[in-house]
Amino acid sequence: MNLDILIFAAHPDDAELGMGGTIAKLVAEGKSVGIIDFTEAELSSNGTVESRREETAEASKVLNISIRENLKIADGKVKVNDEVVSAVIKLLRKYKPRVVFAPYFNDRHPDHIGASKIVKEAVFFSGLKKIETEFEGENQQTHRPYKLYYYMQTYEFTPSFIIDISEHFEAKMKSVRAYKSQFYNPNEKGELTFISDPKFINFLEARAKHYGFQIRKEHGEPFFSEETIELEII
């Protein structure tokens, strides 16, 4: 199937945290949206690979996305190499998204940086006919997405644009809370981490309000583009 939007994330929950509201909004508008996770987050301090798979399935259901795949790259080893770039090229040619989202290229977690670099290379090389790939035994046609945008994770940037997610903020937070093992839950005992600290959810909500205020809306999600964006004045 062809997708309108394809989102790449280093770990399950990254896409929800960075742009869960935008995903819910795009789906509500009738867009076909998919997520590709690079790892199964097996290095996470809390939860297991099995529990994370269940949580990912629940979050995907909340957002009503069309597809979700996992490349099963070793957690902590998301780095640019020919094998992983080729794998992403195959996915781009398989789903032919018009727009791709990736993590912002400077962040606290090295895997986020690695994922960003991999996607940027793959988006470019996917359009070159002399780079040949196969899927299910057949040669794939070239495909280069129209736009590559970056979503915010830990480190902030000056946004190129902000999406109003006011009507979809609750869906975002529901998808985030689907990852029960990762975020604060008074009924769960686990190791205190950067994201399991109860202040983290407060921060996530405050950030959405902060960027919403910048566009005079209740909640917003920021994005960055390395290219100039056309704006249609209505």
C-alpha atoms as a PDB file:
ATOM      1  CA  MET A   1       0.000   0.000   0.000  1.00  0.00           C
ATOM      2  CA  ASN A   2       1.062   3.589  -0.575  1.00  0.00           C
ATOM      3  CA  LEU A   3       1.140   5.918   2.412  1.00  0.00           C
ATOM      4  CA  ASP A   4       0.683   9.664   2.617  1.00  0.00           C
ATOM      5  CA  ILE A   5       2.957   9.958   5.655  1.00  0.00           C
ATOM      6  CA  LEU A   6       5.738   7.721   6.985  1.00  0.00           C
ATOM      7  CA  ILE A   7       7.311   8.421  10.370  1.00  0.00           C
ATOM      8  CA  PHE A   8      10.598   6.976  11.581  1.00  0.00           C
ATOM      9  CA  ALA A   9      11.471   6.562  15.249  1.00  0.00           C
ATOM     10  CA  ALA A  10      14.466   5.098  17.040  1.00  0.00           C
ATOM     11  CA  HIS A  11      12.294   3.462  19.717  1.00  0.00           C
ATOM     12  CA  PRO A  12       8.626   2.584  20.160  1.00  0.00           C
ATOM     13  CA  ASP A  13       7.064   5.621  21.929  1.00  0.00           C
ATOM     14  CA  ASP A  14       9.341   8.210  20.257  1.00  0.00           C
ATOM     15  CA  ALA A  15       6.799   9.006  17.526  1.00  0.00           C
ATOM     16  CA  GLU A  16       3.990   9.292  20.061  1.00  0.00           C
ATOM     17  CA  LEU A  17       6.012  11.603  22.287  1.00  0.00           C
ATOM     18  CA  GLY A  18       7.261  13.796  19.471  1.00  0.00           C
ATOM     19  CA  MET A  19       4.219  14.034  17.230  1.00  0.00           C
ATOM     20  CA  GLY A  20       1.394  11.880  18.530  1.00  0.00           C
ATOM     21  CA  GLY A  21      -1.101  14.728  18.233  1.00  0.00           C
ATOM     22  CA  THR A  22      -0.094  15.431  14.651  1.00  0.00           C
ATOM     23  CA  ILE A  23      -0.430  11.746  13.788  1.00  0.00           C
ATOM     24  CA  ALA A  24      -3.948  11.664  15.244  1.00  0.00           C
ATOM     25  CA  LYS A  25      -4.826  14.840  13.335  1.00  0.00           C
ATOM     26  CA  LEU A  26      -3.507  13.534  10.016  1.00  0.00           C
ATOM     27  CA  VAL A  27      -5.429  10.277  10.407  1.00  0.00           C
ATOM     28  CA  ALA A  28      -8.600  12.201  11.286  1.00  0.00           C
ATOM     29  CA  GLU A  29      -8.136  14.176   8.068  1.00  0.00           C
ATOM     30  CA  GLY A  30      -8.137  10.933   6.106  1.00  0.00           C
ATOM     31  CA  LYS A  31      -4.394  10.612   5.560  1.00  0.00           C
ATOM     32  CA  SER A  32      -2.766   7.172   5.592  1.00  0.00           C
ATOM     33  CA  VAL A  33       0.017   7.179   8.181  1.00  0.00           C
ATOM     34  CA  GLY A  34       2.644   4.593   9.097  1.00  0.00           C
ATOM     35  CA  ILE A  35       5.413   4.322  11.691  1.00  0.00           C
ATOM     36  CA  ILE A  36       8.727   2.510  11.388  1.00  0.00           C
ATOM     37  CA  ASP A  37      10.586   1.873  14.655  1.00  0.00           C
ATOM     38  CA  PHE A  38      14.286   1.111  14.366  1.00  0.00           C
ATOM     39  CA  THR A  39      14.648  -0.875  17.617  1.00  0.00           C
ATOM     40  CA  GLU A  40      12.587  -2.787  20.142  1.00  0.00           C
ATOM     41  CA  ALA A  41      14.052  -0.639  22.937  1.00  0.00           C
ATOM     42  CA  GLU A  42      15.541  -3.655  24.671  1.00  0.00           C
ATOM     43  CA  LEU A  43      17.928  -1.472  26.688  1.00  0.00           C
ATOM     44  CA  SER A  44      15.069   0.325  28.439  1.00  0.00           C
ATOM     45  CA  SER A  45      15.442   0.361  32.212  1.00  0.00           C
ATOM     46  CA  ASN A  46      11.811  -0.646  32.702  1.00  0.00           C
ATOM     47  CA  GLY A  47       9.608  -3.176  30.953  1.00  0.00           C
ATOM     48  CA  THR A  48      10.554  -5.980  28.583  1.00  0.00           C
ATOM     49  CA  VAL A  49      10.642  -6.408  24.818  1.00  0.00           C
ATOM     50  CA  GLU A  50       7.412  -8.402  25.082  1.00  0.00           C
ATOM     51  CA  SER A  51       5.604  -5.773  27.154  1.00  0.00           C
ATOM     52  CA  ARG A  52       6.854  -3.028  24.840  1.00  0.00           C
ATOM     53  CA  ARG A  53       5.413  -4.887  21.839  1.00  0.00           C
ATOM     54  CA  GLU A  54       2.022  -5.027  23.535  1.00  0.00           C
ATOM     55  CA  GLU A  55       2.210  -1.355  24.455  1.00  0.00           C
ATOM     56  CA  THR A  56       3.207  -0.422  20.903  1.00  0.00           C
ATOM     57  CA  ALA A  57       0.236  -2.306  19.498  1.00  0.00           C
ATOM     58  CA  GLU A  58      -2.082  -0.494  21.915  1.00  0.00           C
ATOM     59  CA  ALA A  59      -0.638   2.924  21.059  1.00  0.00           C
ATOM     60  CA  SER A  60      -0.909   2.191  17.341  1.00  0.00           C
ATOM     61  CA  LYS A  61      -4.562   1.279  17.818  1.00  0.00           C
ATOM     62  CA  VAL A  62      -5.200   4.523  19.686  1.00  0.00           C
ATOM     63  CA  LEU A  63      -3.713   6.536  16.813  1.00  0.00           C
ATOM     64  CA  ASN A  64      -5.432   4.348  14.185  1.00  0.00           C
ATOM     65  CA  ILE A  65      -2.356   4.229  11.949  1.00  0.00           C
ATOM     66  CA  SER A  66      -2.263   2.112   8.805  1.00  0.00           C
ATOM     67  CA  ILE A  67       0.973   0.198   9.369  1.00  0.00           C
ATOM     68  CA  ARG A  68       3.756  -0.170  11.922  1.00  0.00           C
ATOM     69  CA  GLU A  69       6.988  -2.100  11.409  1.00  0.00           C
ATOM     70  CA  ASN A  70      10.136  -2.619  13.437  1.00  0.00           C
ATOM     71  CA  LEU A  71      13.571  -2.997  11.847  1.00  0.00           C
ATOM     72  CA  LYS A  72      14.896  -4.693  15.014  1.00  0.00           C
ATOM     73  CA  ILE A  73      18.214  -2.869  14.965  1.00  0.00           C
ATOM     74  CA  ALA A  74      20.085  -3.405  18.236  1.00  0.00           C
ATOM     75  CA  ASP A  75      19.071  -0.759  20.759  1.00  0.00           C
ATOM     76  CA  GLY A  76      21.950   1.647  21.324  1.00  0.00           C
ATOM     77  CA  LYS A  77      23.424   0.772  17.911  1.00  0.00           C
ATOM     78  CA  VAL A  78      21.348   2.947  15.596  1.00  0.00           C
ATOM     79  CA  LYS A  79      24.109   4.246  13.367  1.00  0.00           C
ATOM     80  CA  VAL A  80      24.527   4.949   9.674  1.00  0.00           C
ATOM     81  CA  ASN A  81      25.715   1.942   7.684  1.00  0.00           C
ATOM     82  CA  ASP A  82      24.959   0.553   4.233  1.00  0.00           C
ATOM     83  CA  GLU A  83      22.725  -2.236   5.531  1.00  0.00           C
ATOM     84  CA  VAL A  84      20.334  -0.077   7.530  1.00  0.00           C
ATOM     85  CA  VAL A  85      20.213   2.693   4.908  1.00  0.00           C
ATOM     86  CA  SER A  86      19.306   0.062   2.297  1.00  0.00           C
ATOM     87  CA  ALA A  87      16.575  -1.301   4.589  1.00  0.00           C
ATOM     88  CA  VAL A  88      15.048   2.169   4.902  1.00  0.00           C
ATOM     89  CA  ILE A  89      15.302   2.752   1.136  1.00  0.00           C
ATOM     90  CA  LYS A  90      13.320  -0.448   0.603  1.00  0.00           C
ATOM     91  CA  LEU A  91      10.620   0.802   2.958  1.00  0.00           C
ATOM     92  CA  LEU A  92      10.441   4.176   1.215  1.00  0.00           C
ATOM     93  CA  ARG A  93      10.083   2.455  -2.155  1.00  0.00           C
ATOM     94  CA  LYS A  94       7.572  -0.004  -0.725  1.00  0.00           C
ATOM     95  CA  TYR A  95       5.231   2.567   0.849  1.00  0.00           C
ATOM     96  CA  LYS A  96       6.015   5.581  -1.382  1.00  0.00           C
ATOM     97  CA  PRO A  97       5.160   8.240   1.216  1.00  0.00           C
ATOM     98  CA  ARG A  98       4.749  11.808   0.059  1.00  0.00           C
ATOM     99  CA  VAL A  99       6.061  13.164   3.362  1.00  0.00           C
ATOM    100  CA  VAL A 100       8.539  11.639   5.830  1.00  0.00           C
ATOM    101  CA  PHE A 101       9.136  12.603   9.450  1.00  0.00           C
ATOM    102  CA  ALA A 102      12.304  11.782  11.405  1.00  0.00           C
ATOM    103  CA  PRO A 103      13.773  12.708  14.790  1.00  0.00           C
ATOM    104  CA  TYR A 104      15.540  16.061  14.935  1.00  0.00           C
ATOM    105  CA  PHE A 105      19.224  15.578  14.180  1.00  0.00           C
ATOM    106  CA  ASN A 106      20.581  16.873  17.512  1.00  0.00           C
ATOM    107  CA  ASP A 107      19.298  15.200  20.629  1.00  0.00           C
ATOM    108  CA  ARG A 108      20.134  13.772  24.040  1.00  0.00           C
ATOM    109  CA  HIS A 109      19.889  10.136  22.899  1.00  0.00           C
ATOM    110  CA  PRO A 110      22.517   8.996  20.350  1.00  0.00           C
ATOM    111  CA  ASP A 111      19.985   6.622  18.738  1.00  0.00           C
ATOM    112  CA  HIS A 112      17.765   9.592  17.885  1.00  0.00           C
ATOM    113  CA  ILE A 113      20.671  11.261  16.126  1.00  0.00           C
ATOM    114  CA  GLY A 114      21.544   8.046  14.301  1.00  0.00           C
ATOM    115  CA  ALA A 115      17.965   7.509  13.157  1.00  0.00           C
ATOM    116  CA  SER A 116      17.803  11.057  11.829  1.00  0.00           C
ATOM    117  CA  LYS A 117      20.985  10.653   9.781  1.00  0.00           C
ATOM    118  CA  ILE A 118      19.898   7.281   8.400  1.00  0.00           C
ATOM    119  CA  VAL A 119      16.539   8.621   7.240  1.00  0.00           C
ATOM    120  CA  LYS A 120      18.062  11.677   5.588  1.00  0.00           C
ATOM    121  CA  GLU A 121      20.488   9.522   3.582  1.00  0.00           C
ATOM    122  CA  ALA A 122      17.775   7.036   2.635  1.00  0.00           C
ATOM    123  CA  VAL A 123      15.346   9.746   1.511  1.00  0.00           C
ATOM    124  CA  PHE A 124      17.942  11.053  -0.926  1.00  0.00           C
ATOM    125  CA  PHE A 125      19.316   7.749  -2.200  1.00  0.00           C
ATOM    126  CA  SER A 126      15.850   6.243  -2.615  1.00  0.00           C
ATOM    127  CA  GLY A 127      15.444   8.531  -5.605  1.00  0.00           C
ATOM    128  CA  LEU A 128      18.523   7.261  -7.453  1.00  0.00           C
ATOM    129  CA  LYS A 129      17.814   4.642 -10.107  1.00  0.00           C
ATOM    130  CA  LYS A 130      21.369   3.247 -10.008  1.00  0.00           C
ATOM    131  CA  ILE A 131      20.777   2.177  -6.413  1.00  0.00           C
ATOM    132  CA  GLU A 132      18.838  -1.030  -6.966  1.00  0.00           C
ATOM    133  CA  THR A 133      16.688  -2.786  -4.380  1.00  0.00           C
ATOM    134  CA  GLU A 134      14.304  -5.737  -4.376  1.00  0.00           C
ATOM    135  CA  PHE A 135      11.157  -6.486  -2.435  1.00  0.00           C
ATOM    136  CA  GLU A 136       9.623  -9.952  -2.474  1.00  0.00           C
ATOM    137  CA  GLY A 137      11.820 -10.906  -5.412  1.00  0.00           C
ATOM    138  CA  GLU A 138      10.918  -7.959  -7.605  1.00  0.00           C
ATOM    139  CA  ASN A 139      12.959  -4.891  -8.479  1.00  0.00           C
ATOM    140  CA  GLN A 140      11.664  -1.764  -6.797  1.00  0.00           C
ATOM    141  CA  GLN A 141      10.979   1.519  -8.523  1.00  0.00           C
ATOM    142  CA  THR A 142      12.716   4.657  -7.301  1.00  0.00           C
ATOM    143  CA  HIS A 143      10.821   6.990  -5.003  1.00  0.00           C
ATOM    144  CA  ARG A 144      11.858  10.214  -3.310  1.00  0.00           C
ATOM    145  CA  PRO A 145       9.451  11.748  -0.796  1.00  0.00           C
ATOM    146  CA  TYR A 146       8.400  15.319  -1.471  1.00  0.00           C
ATOM    147  CA  LYS A 147       9.382  16.565   1.998  1.00  0.00           C
ATOM    148  CA  LEU A 148      11.398  15.490   5.031  1.00  0.00           C
ATOM    149  CA  TYR A 149      10.448  17.103   8.328  1.00  0.00           C
ATOM    150  CA  TYR A 150      11.924  16.640  11.806  1.00  0.00           C
ATOM    151  CA  TYR A 151      10.000  16.335  15.074  1.00  0.00           C
ATOM    152  CA  MET A 152      11.208  17.459  18.484  1.00  0.00           C
ATOM    153  CA  GLN A 153      12.351  15.075  21.188  1.00  0.00           C
ATOM    154  CA  THR A 154      14.416  16.226  24.182  1.00  0.00           C
ATOM    155  CA  TYR A 155      16.443  19.090  22.747  1.00  0.00           C
ATOM    156  CA  GLU A 156      14.496  22.067  21.503  1.00  0.00           C
ATOM    157  CA  PHE A 157      14.897  24.013  18.268  1.00  0.00           C
ATOM    158  CA  THR A 158      13.313  27.072  16.680  1.00  0.00           C
ATOM    159  CA  PRO A 159      10.354  25.585  14.792  1.00  0.00           C
ATOM    160  CA  SER A 160       9.890  26.024  11.064  1.00  0.00           C
ATOM    161  CA  PHE A 161       6.195  25.457  11.714  1.00  0.00           C
ATOM    162  CA  ILE A 162       3.842  24.357  14.496  1.00  0.00           C
ATOM    163  CA  ILE A 163       0.835  22.072  14.091  1.00  0.00           C
ATOM    164  CA  ASP A 164      -2.314  22.816  16.079  1.00  0.00           C
ATOM    165  CA  ILE A 165      -3.140  19.607  17.958  1.00  0.00           C
ATOM    166  CA  SER A 166      -5.691  21.065  20.350  1.00  0.00           C
ATOM    167  CA  GLU A 167      -8.448  18.678  19.253  1.00  0.00           C
ATOM    168  CA  HIS A 168      -6.084  15.703  19.303  1.00  0.00           C
ATOM    169  CA  PHE A 169      -4.028  16.302  22.427  1.00  0.00           C
ATOM    170  CA  GLU A 170      -5.970  13.753  24.441  1.00  0.00           C
ATOM    171  CA  ALA A 171      -5.348  11.098  21.760  1.00  0.00           C
ATOM    172  CA  LYS A 172      -1.635  11.923  21.918  1.00  0.00           C
ATOM    173  CA  MET A 173      -1.530  11.524  25.690  1.00  0.00           C
ATOM    174  CA  LYS A 174      -3.587   8.326  25.535  1.00  0.00           C
ATOM    175  CA  SER A 175      -1.075   6.880  23.056  1.00  0.00           C
ATOM    176  CA  VAL A 176       1.812   7.929  25.316  1.00  0.00           C
ATOM    177  CA  ARG A 177       0.178   6.400  28.383  1.00  0.00           C
ATOM    178  CA  ALA A 178      -0.240   3.140  26.478  1.00  0.00           C
ATOM    179  CA  TYR A 179       3.441   2.617  27.304  1.00  0.00           C
ATOM    180  CA  LYS A 180       2.592   1.749  30.890  1.00  0.00           C
ATOM    181  CA  SER A 181       6.043   0.392  31.692  1.00  0.00           C
ATOM    182  CA  GLN A 182       7.836   3.551  30.615  1.00  0.00           C
ATOM    183  CA  PHE A 183       6.043   6.481  32.206  1.00  0.00           C
ATOM    184  CA  TYR A 184       4.963   7.344  35.704  1.00  0.00           C
ATOM    185  CA  ASN A 185       2.386   5.007  37.137  1.00  0.00           C
ATOM    186  CA  PRO A 186       1.794   5.018  40.921  1.00  0.00           C
ATOM    187  CA  ASN A 187       0.664   1.393  40.718  1.00  0.00           C
ATOM    188  CA  GLU A 188       3.854   0.196  39.036  1.00  0.00           C
ATOM    189  CA  LYS A 189       7.218  -0.259  40.708  1.00  0.00           C
ATOM    190  CA  GLY A 190      10.205   0.353  38.494  1.00  0.00           C
ATOM    191  CA  GLU A 191      13.445   2.186  38.212  1.00  0.00           C
ATOM    192  CA  LEU A 192      13.217   5.967  38.314  1.00  0.00           C
ATOM    193  CA  THR A 193      14.389   7.262  34.940  1.00  0.00           C
ATOM    194  CA  PHE A 194      14.322  10.483  32.940  1.00  0.00           C
ATOM    195  CA  ILE A 195      10.925   9.589  31.476  1.00  0.00           C
ATOM    196  CA  SER A 196       9.386   7.624  34.386  1.00  0.00           C
ATOM    197  CA  ASP A 197       9.768  10.632  36.687  1.00  0.00           C
ATOM    198  CA  PRO A 198       6.268  12.095  37.191  1.00  0.00           C
ATOM    199  CA  LYS A 199       7.642  15.496  36.174  1.00  0.00           C
ATOM    200  CA  PHE A 200       8.223  14.209  32.639  1.00  0.00           C
ATOM    201  CA  ILE A 201       4.510  13.951  31.777  1.00  0.00           C
ATOM    202  CA  ASN A 202       4.034  17.426  33.247  1.00  0.00           C
ATOM    203  CA  PHE A 203       6.836  18.635  30.999  1.00  0.00           C
ATOM    204  CA  LEU A 204       5.247  17.003  27.956  1.00  0.00           C
ATOM    205  CA  GLU A 205       1.942  18.727  28.640  1.00  0.00           C
ATOM    206  CA  ALA A 206       3.642  22.073  29.310  1.00  0.00           C
ATOM    207  CA  ARG A 207       5.599  21.846  26.057  1.00  0.00           C
ATOM    208  CA  ALA A 208       2.401  21.268  24.078  1.00  0.00           C
ATOM    209  CA  LYS A 209       0.801  24.281  25.745  1.00  0.00           C
ATOM    210  CA  HIS A 210       3.925  26.387  25.141  1.00  0.00           C
ATOM    211  CA  TYR A 211       3.993  25.710  21.412  1.00  0.00           C
ATOM    212  CA  GLY A 212       0.225  25.975  21.207  1.00  0.00           C
ATOM    213  CA  PHE A 213       0.411  29.439  22.728  1.00  0.00           C
ATOM    214  CA  GLN A 214       2.908  30.490  20.078  1.00  0.00           C
ATOM    215  CA  ILE A 215       0.227  29.982  17.421  1.00  0.00           C
ATOM    216  CA  ARG A 216      -2.592  31.141  19.729  1.00  0.00           C
ATOM    217  CA  LYS A 217      -3.967  27.642  20.160  1.00  0.00           C
ATOM    218  CA  GLU A 218      -4.400  25.384  23.169  1.00  0.00           C
ATOM    219  CA  HIS A 219      -1.793  22.779  22.199  1.00  0.00           C
ATOM    220  CA  GLY A 220       0.840  22.523  19.487  1.00  0.00           C
ATOM    221  CA  GLU A 221       3.683  20.346  18.198  1.00  0.00           C
ATOM    222  CA  PRO A 222       6.813  21.914  16.646  1.00  0.00           C
ATOM    223  CA  PHE A 223       8.648  20.762  13.520  1.00  0.00           C
ATOM    224  CA  PHE A 224      11.804  21.709  11.671  1.00  0.00           C
ATOM    225  CA  SER A 225      12.497  21.818   7.954  1.00  0.00           C
ATOM    226  CA  GLU A 226      15.917  22.232   6.363  1.00  0.00           C
ATOM    227  CA  GLU A 227      14.209  23.580   3.254  1.00  0.00           C
ATOM    228  CA  THR A 228      12.039  26.645   2.792  1.00  0.00           C
ATOM    229  CA  ILE A 229       8.336  25.883   3.107  1.00  0.00           C
ATOM    230  CA  GLU A 230       5.660  27.332   0.879  1.00  0.00           C
ATOM    231  CA  LEU A 231       2.802  28.963   2.758  1.00  0.00           C
ATOM    232  CA  GLU A 232      -0.648  29.350   1.245  1.00  0.00           C
ATOM    233  CA  ILE A 233      -2.413  32.456   2.506  1.00  0.00           C
ATOM    234  CA  ILE A 234      -6.107  31.778   2.933  1.00  0.00           C
END
